[in-house]
Amino acid sequence: MSLSKRVVETLIDLVEIKLSCMEIYDREDSREVVALEQCVAELQALNQKSKATASEVVAFAGRPRGRARAAVG
C-alpha cells in the first residue's frame, strides 16, 4: 500500500498535535510518547523517501512521439 505525500504530511501533523497535547503522568503515558515520536520519525523518513523518488529522472526508450516534420525545400 502506498500513501500520497499529502496523506503522510497530514498524519505527521496529527501525531505532532497529539504529542503536544500529551501530559505524562505514568510509565504508560511515557511509553505512548516514545511510540508517537517513533511514528513521527518513520513518517518523516517515508516522506523523505517519497521526495527522493519523485525527483528521480526516468529515461524511457522508444520512438519519439508526434508526427515527423516535413522536409522543407
N, C-alpha and C. Protein backbone atom coordinates (compact mmCIF):
# COMPACT_ATOMS: atom_id res chain seq x y z
N MET A 1 0.85 -1.17 0.00
CA MET A 1 0.00 0.00 0.00
C MET A 1 0.90 1.23 0.00
N SER A 2 0.56 2.18 -0.83
CA SER A 2 1.34 3.42 -0.84
C SER A 2 0.45 4.58 -0.39
N LEU A 3 1.08 5.52 0.23
CA LEU A 3 0.39 6.71 0.72
C LEU A 3 0.88 7.91 -0.05
N SER A 4 -0.02 8.82 -0.35
CA SER A 4 0.40 10.03 -1.06
C SER A 4 1.17 10.94 -0.10
N LYS A 5 1.91 11.85 -0.68
CA LYS A 5 2.69 12.80 0.13
C LYS A 5 1.76 13.60 1.04
N ARG A 6 0.63 13.98 0.53
CA ARG A 6 -0.33 14.78 1.31
C ARG A 6 -0.83 13.99 2.53
N VAL A 7 -1.11 12.72 2.33
CA VAL A 7 -1.59 11.88 3.44
C VAL A 7 -0.51 11.73 4.50
N VAL A 8 0.72 11.51 4.08
CA VAL A 8 1.82 11.35 5.03
C VAL A 8 2.02 12.64 5.83
N GLU A 9 1.97 13.78 5.16
CA GLU A 9 2.13 15.06 5.85
C GLU A 9 0.99 15.31 6.84
N THR A 10 -0.23 14.92 6.47
CA THR A 10 -1.37 15.06 7.37
C THR A 10 -1.20 14.17 8.60
N LEU A 11 -0.74 12.94 8.39
CA LEU A 11 -0.51 12.04 9.51
C LEU A 11 0.57 12.58 10.45
N ILE A 12 1.63 13.14 9.88
CA ILE A 12 2.69 13.75 10.70
C ILE A 12 2.09 14.87 11.55
N ASP A 13 1.29 15.73 10.93
CA ASP A 13 0.66 16.83 11.67
C ASP A 13 -0.21 16.31 12.81
N LEU A 14 -1.01 15.29 12.53
CA LEU A 14 -1.90 14.74 13.55
C LEU A 14 -1.13 14.14 14.73
N VAL A 15 -0.07 13.42 14.43
CA VAL A 15 0.73 12.81 15.51
C VAL A 15 1.43 13.90 16.32
N GLU A 16 1.94 14.93 15.65
CA GLU A 16 2.60 16.02 16.36
C GLU A 16 1.60 16.78 17.24
N ILE A 17 0.38 16.96 16.77
CA ILE A 17 -0.66 17.60 17.60
C ILE A 17 -0.94 16.75 18.82
N LYS A 18 -1.07 15.44 18.62
CA LYS A 18 -1.30 14.53 19.75
C LYS A 18 -0.16 14.62 20.76
N LEU A 19 1.09 14.67 20.26
CA LEU A 19 2.25 14.78 21.15
C LEU A 19 2.22 16.09 21.94
N SER A 20 1.81 17.15 21.31
CA SER A 20 1.80 18.44 22.00
C SER A 20 0.73 18.50 23.09
N CYS A 21 -0.29 17.67 22.97
CA CYS A 21 -1.37 17.64 23.97
C CYS A 21 -1.12 16.64 25.09
N MET A 22 -0.13 15.80 24.93
CA MET A 22 0.12 14.74 25.91
C MET A 22 0.63 15.31 27.23
N GLU A 23 0.10 14.79 28.31
CA GLU A 23 0.61 15.07 29.65
C GLU A 23 1.04 13.74 30.24
N ILE A 24 2.27 13.68 30.69
CA ILE A 24 2.82 12.42 31.17
C ILE A 24 2.60 12.32 32.68
N TYR A 25 1.84 11.30 33.06
CA TYR A 25 1.57 11.05 34.48
C TYR A 25 2.17 9.74 34.97
N ASP A 26 2.36 8.79 34.06
CA ASP A 26 2.89 7.49 34.47
C ASP A 26 3.71 6.88 33.35
N ARG A 27 4.19 5.66 33.59
CA ARG A 27 5.04 4.98 32.60
C ARG A 27 4.30 4.69 31.31
N GLU A 28 3.03 4.39 31.41
CA GLU A 28 2.26 4.11 30.20
C GLU A 28 2.18 5.34 29.29
N ASP A 29 1.99 6.50 29.89
CA ASP A 29 1.99 7.74 29.10
C ASP A 29 3.36 7.97 28.47
N SER A 30 4.40 7.68 29.22
CA SER A 30 5.76 7.84 28.70
C SER A 30 6.01 6.91 27.52
N ARG A 31 5.54 5.68 27.62
CA ARG A 31 5.68 4.72 26.51
C ARG A 31 4.92 5.20 25.28
N GLU A 32 3.74 5.76 25.51
CA GLU A 32 2.95 6.25 24.38
C GLU A 32 3.65 7.41 23.68
N VAL A 33 4.28 8.29 24.46
CA VAL A 33 5.04 9.40 23.86
C VAL A 33 6.19 8.86 23.02
N VAL A 34 6.90 7.89 23.53
CA VAL A 34 8.02 7.29 22.78
C VAL A 34 7.50 6.65 21.49
N ALA A 35 6.38 5.94 21.57
CA ALA A 35 5.80 5.31 20.38
C ALA A 35 5.37 6.35 19.36
N LEU A 36 4.78 7.45 19.82
CA LEU A 36 4.35 8.51 18.90
C LEU A 36 5.55 9.22 18.27
N GLU A 37 6.61 9.41 19.03
CA GLU A 37 7.83 10.02 18.47
C GLU A 37 8.44 9.11 17.41
N GLN A 38 8.42 7.80 17.65
CA GLN A 38 8.91 6.85 16.65
C GLN A 38 8.04 6.89 15.40
N CYS A 39 6.75 7.03 15.62
CA CYS A 39 5.81 7.13 14.50
C CYS A 39 6.12 8.35 13.63
N VAL A 40 6.36 9.49 14.27
CA VAL A 40 6.71 10.71 13.53
C VAL A 40 8.00 10.49 12.75
N ALA A 41 8.99 9.87 13.37
CA ALA A 41 10.27 9.63 12.69
C ALA A 41 10.08 8.74 11.47
N GLU A 42 9.27 7.69 11.59
CA GLU A 42 9.03 6.80 10.45
C GLU A 42 8.26 7.50 9.34
N LEU A 43 7.28 8.31 9.72
CA LEU A 43 6.51 9.04 8.71
C LEU A 43 7.39 10.07 7.99
N GLN A 44 8.28 10.73 8.73
CA GLN A 44 9.19 11.68 8.10
C GLN A 44 10.16 10.97 7.16
N ALA A 45 10.63 9.79 7.55
CA ALA A 45 11.50 9.01 6.67
C ALA A 45 10.76 8.60 5.41
N LEU A 46 9.52 8.21 5.57
CA LEU A 46 8.69 7.85 4.42
C LEU A 46 8.49 9.06 3.51
N ASN A 47 8.28 10.21 4.11
CA ASN A 47 8.08 11.44 3.35
C ASN A 47 9.35 11.81 2.59
N GLN A 48 10.52 11.68 3.24
CA GLN A 48 11.79 11.96 2.57
C GLN A 48 12.04 10.99 1.42
N LYS A 49 11.67 9.73 1.64
CA LYS A 49 11.84 8.71 0.60
C LYS A 49 10.98 9.05 -0.61
N SER A 50 9.76 9.49 -0.37
CA SER A 50 8.87 9.83 -1.49
C SER A 50 9.37 11.05 -2.24
N LYS A 51 9.99 12.00 -1.52
CA LYS A 51 10.56 13.18 -2.19
C LYS A 51 11.72 12.77 -3.08
N ALA A 52 12.57 11.86 -2.59
CA ALA A 52 13.72 11.41 -3.37
C ALA A 52 13.26 10.65 -4.60
N THR A 53 12.24 9.83 -4.45
CA THR A 53 11.73 9.05 -5.57
C THR A 53 11.09 9.95 -6.61
N ALA A 54 10.37 10.96 -6.16
CA ALA A 54 9.68 11.86 -7.09
C ALA A 54 10.66 12.70 -7.90
N SER A 55 11.85 12.96 -7.35
CA SER A 55 12.80 13.81 -8.06
C SER A 55 13.70 13.04 -9.01
N GLU A 56 13.62 11.72 -9.01
CA GLU A 56 14.45 10.93 -9.91
C GLU A 56 13.95 11.09 -11.34
N VAL A 57 14.89 11.12 -12.28
CA VAL A 57 14.55 11.20 -13.69
C VAL A 57 14.62 9.80 -14.27
N VAL A 58 13.55 9.40 -14.92
CA VAL A 58 13.50 8.07 -15.51
C VAL A 58 13.48 8.23 -17.02
N ALA A 59 14.43 7.58 -17.70
CA ALA A 59 14.50 7.66 -19.16
C ALA A 59 13.70 6.50 -19.75
N PHE A 60 12.89 6.82 -20.73
CA PHE A 60 12.10 5.81 -21.41
C PHE A 60 12.66 5.62 -22.82
N ALA A 61 12.92 4.37 -23.17
CA ALA A 61 13.39 4.06 -24.51
C ALA A 61 12.19 3.94 -25.44
N GLY A 62 12.38 4.27 -26.66
CA GLY A 62 11.28 4.13 -27.61
C GLY A 62 11.36 5.20 -28.68
N ARG A 63 10.43 5.12 -29.57
CA ARG A 63 10.45 6.09 -30.66
C ARG A 63 9.89 7.42 -30.20
N PRO A 64 10.29 8.50 -30.85
CA PRO A 64 9.78 9.81 -30.49
C PRO A 64 8.29 9.92 -30.78
N ARG A 65 7.60 10.68 -30.00
CA ARG A 65 6.16 10.84 -30.22
C ARG A 65 5.90 12.00 -31.17
N GLY A 66 4.73 11.99 -31.76
CA GLY A 66 4.34 13.06 -32.66
C GLY A 66 4.63 12.72 -34.11
N ARG A 67 4.22 13.62 -34.96
CA ARG A 67 4.45 13.42 -36.40
C ARG A 67 5.82 13.91 -36.80
N ALA A 68 6.35 13.27 -37.81
CA ALA A 68 7.64 13.69 -38.35
C ALA A 68 7.43 15.00 -39.10
N ARG A 69 8.41 15.87 -39.00
CA ARG A 69 8.31 17.16 -39.71
C ARG A 69 8.57 16.94 -41.20
N ALA A 70 7.84 17.70 -41.99
CA ALA A 70 8.01 17.62 -43.44
C ALA A 70 9.30 18.32 -43.83
N ALA A 71 9.99 17.76 -44.78
CA ALA A 71 11.23 18.36 -45.26
C ALA A 71 10.92 19.61 -46.05
N VAL A 72 11.66 20.68 -45.77
CA VAL A 72 11.46 21.97 -46.47
C VAL A 72 12.50 22.08 -47.56
N GLY A 73 11.99 22.43 -48.74
CA GLY A 73 12.97 22.75 -49.73
C GLY A 73 12.90 22.10 -50.96
